[in-house]
Amino acid sequence: MPKDARPPATGIAASEAVDALLAASRALVGIAARSLADVDPDVTLPQYRALVVLAARGPQRVADISAELAVAPSTGTRMCDRLVRKGLLRRSRTAFDRRVVRLTLTTAGRRLVHEVMESRRALLTAVVAATADVWHPAVAPALRAFAAASGEVPESEWWLGFPSAEDEPEA
């Protein structure tokens, strides 16, 4: 173990951390639901999560999105069908293999993700301001490490090099 590394949390400390994360996750789900409902009440949280996957990882196959969301392929297909009908996703075939269909965010899909993230940022800013006196300098790096360990792509890495559906040539 490196000199400056700390041993993993065990016992009561780990239990307290898990309890605190459970409480925080309930609050974060509430904030996520409110931020989405404020922007587009017709998009569900699972549908929004699919949009976020595409925003973070670029064009994907339905099977990839289904796997990322841990849903059955048929559920992923129905979800993506609804998002296509809402004008938030577009399907396109790849030039290399016409059997492969990729989903891409449309301009409306990108705008929705951006607006929801801005709404969520505003809600979180208010919560952080209300609790500013208890924030420890180690909290932000710990939360970033937690998000990374869970497989989340940092928001700062979103959108890099991923063309919108309108930017891609028809296949």
C-alpha atoms as a PDB file:
ATOM      1  CA  MET A   1       0.000   0.000   0.000  1.00  0.00           C
ATOM      2  CA  PRO A   2       1.453   3.429  -0.909  1.00  0.00           C
ATOM      3  CA  LYS A   3       2.560   5.612   2.014  1.00  0.00           C
ATOM      4  CA  ASP A   4      -0.187   8.181   1.547  1.00  0.00           C
ATOM      5  CA  ALA A   5      -2.974   5.646   0.889  1.00  0.00           C
ATOM      6  CA  ARG A   6      -5.477   4.933   3.595  1.00  0.00           C
ATOM      7  CA  PRO A   7      -6.698   1.444   4.468  1.00  0.00           C
ATOM      8  CA  PRO A   8     -10.187   0.637   3.190  1.00  0.00           C
ATOM      9  CA  ALA A   9     -13.100   1.581   5.410  1.00  0.00           C
ATOM     10  CA  THR A  10     -14.177  -1.306   7.585  1.00  0.00           C
ATOM     11  CA  GLY A  11     -16.734  -2.034  10.246  1.00  0.00           C
ATOM     12  CA  ILE A  12     -18.626   0.938  11.636  1.00  0.00           C
ATOM     13  CA  ALA A  13     -16.919   3.466   9.333  1.00  0.00           C
ATOM     14  CA  ALA A  14     -17.946   1.488   6.237  1.00  0.00           C
ATOM     15  CA  SER A  15     -21.461   1.001   7.572  1.00  0.00           C
ATOM     16  CA  GLU A  16     -21.803   4.730   8.282  1.00  0.00           C
ATOM     17  CA  ALA A  17     -20.495   5.548   4.806  1.00  0.00           C
ATOM     18  CA  VAL A  18     -22.992   3.169   3.199  1.00  0.00           C
ATOM     19  CA  ASP A  19     -25.861   4.611   5.264  1.00  0.00           C
ATOM     20  CA  ALA A  20     -24.834   8.149   4.338  1.00  0.00           C
ATOM     21  CA  LEU A  21     -24.564   7.204   0.654  1.00  0.00           C
ATOM     22  CA  LEU A  22     -28.003   5.578   0.747  1.00  0.00           C
ATOM     23  CA  ALA A  23     -29.515   8.748   2.189  1.00  0.00           C
ATOM     24  CA  ALA A  24     -27.620  10.908  -0.294  1.00  0.00           C
ATOM     25  CA  SER A  25     -28.653   8.671  -3.193  1.00  0.00           C
ATOM     26  CA  ARG A  26     -32.333   9.079  -2.259  1.00  0.00           C
ATOM     27  CA  ALA A  27     -31.849  12.846  -2.246  1.00  0.00           C
ATOM     28  CA  LEU A  28     -29.966  12.732  -5.555  1.00  0.00           C
ATOM     29  CA  VAL A  29     -32.678  10.619  -7.199  1.00  0.00           C
ATOM     30  CA  GLY A  30     -35.224  13.200  -6.040  1.00  0.00           C
ATOM     31  CA  ILE A  31     -33.130  16.007  -7.491  1.00  0.00           C
ATOM     32  CA  ALA A  32     -32.694  14.054 -10.736  1.00  0.00           C
ATOM     33  CA  ALA A  33     -36.446  13.458 -10.988  1.00  0.00           C
ATOM     34  CA  ARG A  34     -37.261  17.132 -10.291  1.00  0.00           C
ATOM     35  CA  SER A  35     -34.685  18.414 -12.785  1.00  0.00           C
ATOM     36  CA  LEU A  36     -36.042  16.111 -15.502  1.00  0.00           C
ATOM     37  CA  ALA A  37     -39.700  16.866 -14.722  1.00  0.00           C
ATOM     38  CA  ASP A  38     -38.955  20.598 -14.896  1.00  0.00           C
ATOM     39  CA  VAL A  39     -37.517  20.231 -18.418  1.00  0.00           C
ATOM     40  CA  ASP A  40     -39.617  17.427 -19.971  1.00  0.00           C
ATOM     41  CA  PRO A  41     -42.139  15.544 -17.848  1.00  0.00           C
ATOM     42  CA  ASP A  42     -42.769  13.090 -20.721  1.00  0.00           C
ATOM     43  CA  VAL A  43     -39.252  11.608 -20.501  1.00  0.00           C
ATOM     44  CA  THR A  44     -38.782   8.983 -17.785  1.00  0.00           C
ATOM     45  CA  LEU A  45     -35.638   8.655 -15.674  1.00  0.00           C
ATOM     46  CA  PRO A  46     -34.623   5.406 -17.448  1.00  0.00           C
ATOM     47  CA  GLN A  47     -35.124   7.097 -20.836  1.00  0.00           C
ATOM     48  CA  TYR A  48     -33.065  10.055 -19.665  1.00  0.00           C
ATOM     49  CA  ARG A  49     -30.342   7.681 -18.479  1.00  0.00           C
ATOM     50  CA  ALA A  50     -30.207   6.235 -22.018  1.00  0.00           C
ATOM     51  CA  LEU A  51     -29.739   9.765 -23.363  1.00  0.00           C
ATOM     52  CA  VAL A  52     -26.940  10.356 -20.848  1.00  0.00           C
ATOM     53  CA  VAL A  53     -25.214   7.136 -21.934  1.00  0.00           C
ATOM     54  CA  LEU A  54     -25.241   8.387 -25.527  1.00  0.00           C
ATOM     55  CA  ALA A  55     -24.063  11.847 -24.452  1.00  0.00           C
ATOM     56  CA  ALA A  56     -21.187  10.339 -22.493  1.00  0.00           C
ATOM     57  CA  ARG A  57     -20.160   7.498 -24.813  1.00  0.00           C
ATOM     58  CA  GLY A  58     -21.269   8.570 -28.277  1.00  0.00           C
ATOM     59  CA  PRO A  59     -23.279   6.516 -30.768  1.00  0.00           C
ATOM     60  CA  GLN A  60     -24.232   3.086 -29.441  1.00  0.00           C
ATOM     61  CA  ARG A  61     -26.142  -0.011 -30.461  1.00  0.00           C
ATOM     62  CA  VAL A  62     -29.372  -0.744 -28.584  1.00  0.00           C
ATOM     63  CA  ALA A  63     -27.641  -3.830 -27.135  1.00  0.00           C
ATOM     64  CA  ASP A  64     -24.894  -1.606 -25.706  1.00  0.00           C
ATOM     65  CA  ILE A  65     -27.390   0.786 -24.120  1.00  0.00           C
ATOM     66  CA  SER A  66     -29.416  -2.136 -22.738  1.00  0.00           C
ATOM     67  CA  ALA A  67     -26.279  -3.623 -21.180  1.00  0.00           C
ATOM     68  CA  GLU A  68     -25.238  -0.273 -19.707  1.00  0.00           C
ATOM     69  CA  LEU A  69     -28.687   0.210 -18.172  1.00  0.00           C
ATOM     70  CA  ALA A  70     -28.859  -3.458 -17.065  1.00  0.00           C
ATOM     71  CA  VAL A  71     -32.179  -4.043 -18.831  1.00  0.00           C
ATOM     72  CA  ALA A  72     -33.300  -6.796 -21.183  1.00  0.00           C
ATOM     73  CA  PRO A  73     -32.598  -6.067 -24.864  1.00  0.00           C
ATOM     74  CA  SER A  74     -36.357  -5.962 -25.576  1.00  0.00           C
ATOM     75  CA  THR A  75     -36.807  -3.331 -22.844  1.00  0.00           C
ATOM     76  CA  GLY A  76     -33.908  -1.310 -24.263  1.00  0.00           C
ATOM     77  CA  THR A  77     -35.389  -1.534 -27.752  1.00  0.00           C
ATOM     78  CA  ARG A  78     -38.814  -0.308 -26.598  1.00  0.00           C
ATOM     79  CA  MET A  79     -37.228   2.512 -24.613  1.00  0.00           C
ATOM     80  CA  CYS A  80     -35.135   3.630 -27.587  1.00  0.00           C
ATOM     81  CA  ASP A  81     -38.157   3.330 -29.913  1.00  0.00           C
ATOM     82  CA  ARG A  82     -39.988   5.807 -27.684  1.00  0.00           C
ATOM     83  CA  LEU A  83     -37.011   8.184 -27.705  1.00  0.00           C
ATOM     84  CA  VAL A  84     -36.833   7.994 -31.507  1.00  0.00           C
ATOM     85  CA  ARG A  85     -40.567   8.804 -31.725  1.00  0.00           C
ATOM     86  CA  LYS A  86     -40.005  11.767 -29.377  1.00  0.00           C
ATOM     87  CA  GLY A  87     -37.306  13.061 -31.731  1.00  0.00           C
ATOM     88  CA  LEU A  88     -34.517  12.704 -29.146  1.00  0.00           C
ATOM     89  CA  LEU A  89     -32.631   9.850 -30.873  1.00  0.00           C
ATOM     90  CA  ARG A  90     -31.951   8.868 -34.441  1.00  0.00           C
ATOM     91  CA  ARG A  91     -31.101   5.447 -35.819  1.00  0.00           C
ATOM     92  CA  SER A  92     -28.508   5.062 -38.534  1.00  0.00           C
ATOM     93  CA  ARG A  93     -26.729   2.157 -40.175  1.00  0.00           C
ATOM     94  CA  THR A  94     -22.971   2.067 -40.277  1.00  0.00           C
ATOM     95  CA  ALA A  95     -21.203   2.252 -43.632  1.00  0.00           C
ATOM     96  CA  PHE A  96     -19.005  -0.715 -42.701  1.00  0.00           C
ATOM     97  CA  ASP A  97     -21.773  -3.149 -41.790  1.00  0.00           C
ATOM     98  CA  ARG A  98     -25.333  -2.339 -42.852  1.00  0.00           C
ATOM     99  CA  ARG A  99     -26.665  -4.798 -40.250  1.00  0.00           C
ATOM    100  CA  VAL A 100     -25.370  -2.620 -37.395  1.00  0.00           C
ATOM    101  CA  VAL A 101     -27.757   0.119 -36.307  1.00  0.00           C
ATOM    102  CA  ARG A 102     -26.414   2.831 -34.042  1.00  0.00           C
ATOM    103  CA  LEU A 103     -28.373   5.338 -32.011  1.00  0.00           C
ATOM    104  CA  THR A 104     -27.286   8.958 -31.888  1.00  0.00           C
ATOM    105  CA  LEU A 105     -28.628  11.935 -29.982  1.00  0.00           C
ATOM    106  CA  THR A 106     -30.489  14.462 -32.095  1.00  0.00           C
ATOM    107  CA  THR A 107     -30.081  18.176 -31.485  1.00  0.00           C
ATOM    108  CA  ALA A 108     -33.254  18.025 -29.369  1.00  0.00           C
ATOM    109  CA  GLY A 109     -31.782  15.118 -27.379  1.00  0.00           C
ATOM    110  CA  ARG A 110     -28.549  17.010 -26.758  1.00  0.00           C
ATOM    111  CA  ARG A 111     -30.501  20.093 -25.719  1.00  0.00           C
ATOM    112  CA  LEU A 112     -32.631  18.049 -23.295  1.00  0.00           C
ATOM    113  CA  VAL A 113     -29.564  16.503 -21.634  1.00  0.00           C
ATOM    114  CA  HIS A 114     -27.930  19.935 -21.366  1.00  0.00           C
ATOM    115  CA  GLU A 115     -31.033  21.605 -19.898  1.00  0.00           C
ATOM    116  CA  VAL A 116     -31.595  18.813 -17.371  1.00  0.00           C
ATOM    117  CA  MET A 117     -27.938  18.961 -16.309  1.00  0.00           C
ATOM    118  CA  GLU A 118     -28.186  22.743 -15.873  1.00  0.00           C
ATOM    119  CA  SER A 119     -31.368  22.353 -13.815  1.00  0.00           C
ATOM    120  CA  ARG A 120     -29.723  19.657 -11.704  1.00  0.00           C
ATOM    121  CA  ARG A 121     -26.633  21.833 -11.246  1.00  0.00           C
ATOM    122  CA  ALA A 122     -28.827  24.690  -9.960  1.00  0.00           C
ATOM    123  CA  LEU A 123     -30.650  22.397  -7.520  1.00  0.00           C
ATOM    124  CA  LEU A 124     -27.373  20.916  -6.263  1.00  0.00           C
ATOM    125  CA  THR A 125     -25.815  24.373  -5.927  1.00  0.00           C
ATOM    126  CA  ALA A 126     -28.653  25.360  -3.607  1.00  0.00           C
ATOM    127  CA  VAL A 127     -28.192  22.215  -1.481  1.00  0.00           C
ATOM    128  CA  VAL A 128     -24.423  22.705  -1.275  1.00  0.00           C
ATOM    129  CA  ALA A 129     -24.910  26.360  -0.298  1.00  0.00           C
ATOM    130  CA  ALA A 130     -27.350  25.323   2.434  1.00  0.00           C
ATOM    131  CA  THR A 131     -24.831  22.819   3.827  1.00  0.00           C
ATOM    132  CA  ALA A 132     -21.596  24.727   3.131  1.00  0.00           C
ATOM    133  CA  ASP A 133     -20.514  24.743   6.774  1.00  0.00           C
ATOM    134  CA  VAL A 134     -20.197  20.923   6.886  1.00  0.00           C
ATOM    135  CA  TRP A 135     -18.336  20.323   3.624  1.00  0.00           C
ATOM    136  CA  HIS A 136     -14.848  18.961   4.172  1.00  0.00           C
ATOM    137  CA  PRO A 137     -12.181  19.474   1.468  1.00  0.00           C
ATOM    138  CA  ALA A 138     -11.935  15.690   0.987  1.00  0.00           C
ATOM    139  CA  VAL A 139     -15.638  15.307   0.061  1.00  0.00           C
ATOM    140  CA  ALA A 140     -15.394  16.381  -3.589  1.00  0.00           C
ATOM    141  CA  PRO A 141     -12.428  14.102  -4.426  1.00  0.00           C
ATOM    142  CA  ALA A 142     -14.113  11.227  -2.561  1.00  0.00           C
ATOM    143  CA  LEU A 143     -17.322  11.702  -4.568  1.00  0.00           C
ATOM    144  CA  ARG A 144     -15.353  11.867  -7.838  1.00  0.00           C
ATOM    145  CA  ALA A 145     -13.574   8.627  -6.918  1.00  0.00           C
ATOM    146  CA  PHE A 146     -16.925   7.051  -6.010  1.00  0.00           C
ATOM    147  CA  ALA A 147     -18.397   8.040  -9.396  1.00  0.00           C
ATOM    148  CA  ALA A 148     -15.323   6.744 -11.228  1.00  0.00           C
ATOM    149  CA  ALA A 149     -15.419   3.442  -9.342  1.00  0.00           C
ATOM    150  CA  SER A 150     -19.062   3.045 -10.361  1.00  0.00           C
ATOM    151  CA  GLY A 151     -18.123   3.487 -14.028  1.00  0.00           C
ATOM    152  CA  GLU A 152     -19.491   6.977 -14.577  1.00  0.00           C
ATOM    153  CA  VAL A 153     -17.769   9.056 -17.250  1.00  0.00           C
ATOM    154  CA  PRO A 154     -16.900  12.510 -15.859  1.00  0.00           C
ATOM    155  CA  GLU A 155     -19.136  15.222 -17.305  1.00  0.00           C
ATOM    156  CA  SER A 156     -16.047  17.104 -18.465  1.00  0.00           C
ATOM    157  CA  GLU A 157     -15.384  14.230 -20.911  1.00  0.00           C
ATOM    158  CA  TRP A 158     -18.869  14.243 -22.429  1.00  0.00           C
ATOM    159  CA  TRP A 159     -19.512  15.394 -25.959  1.00  0.00           C
ATOM    160  CA  LEU A 160     -15.883  15.149 -27.014  1.00  0.00           C
ATOM    161  CA  GLY A 161     -15.780  14.075 -30.625  1.00  0.00           C
ATOM    162  CA  PHE A 162     -19.338  12.759 -30.740  1.00  0.00           C
ATOM    163  CA  PRO A 163     -21.156  14.249 -33.717  1.00  0.00           C
ATOM    164  CA  SER A 164     -24.847  14.971 -33.429  1.00  0.00           C
ATOM    165  CA  ALA A 165     -27.223  12.969 -35.568  1.00  0.00           C
ATOM    166  CA  GLU A 166     -27.517  15.946 -37.878  1.00  0.00           C
ATOM    167  CA  ASP A 167     -23.730  16.028 -38.366  1.00  0.00           C
ATOM    168  CA  GLU A 168     -23.521  12.395 -39.482  1.00  0.00           C
ATOM    169  CA  PRO A 169     -24.006  11.557 -43.151  1.00  0.00           C
ATOM    170  CA  GLU A 170     -26.922   9.309 -44.036  1.00  0.00           C
ATOM    171  CA  ALA A 171     -25.715   5.733 -44.364  1.00  0.00           C
END
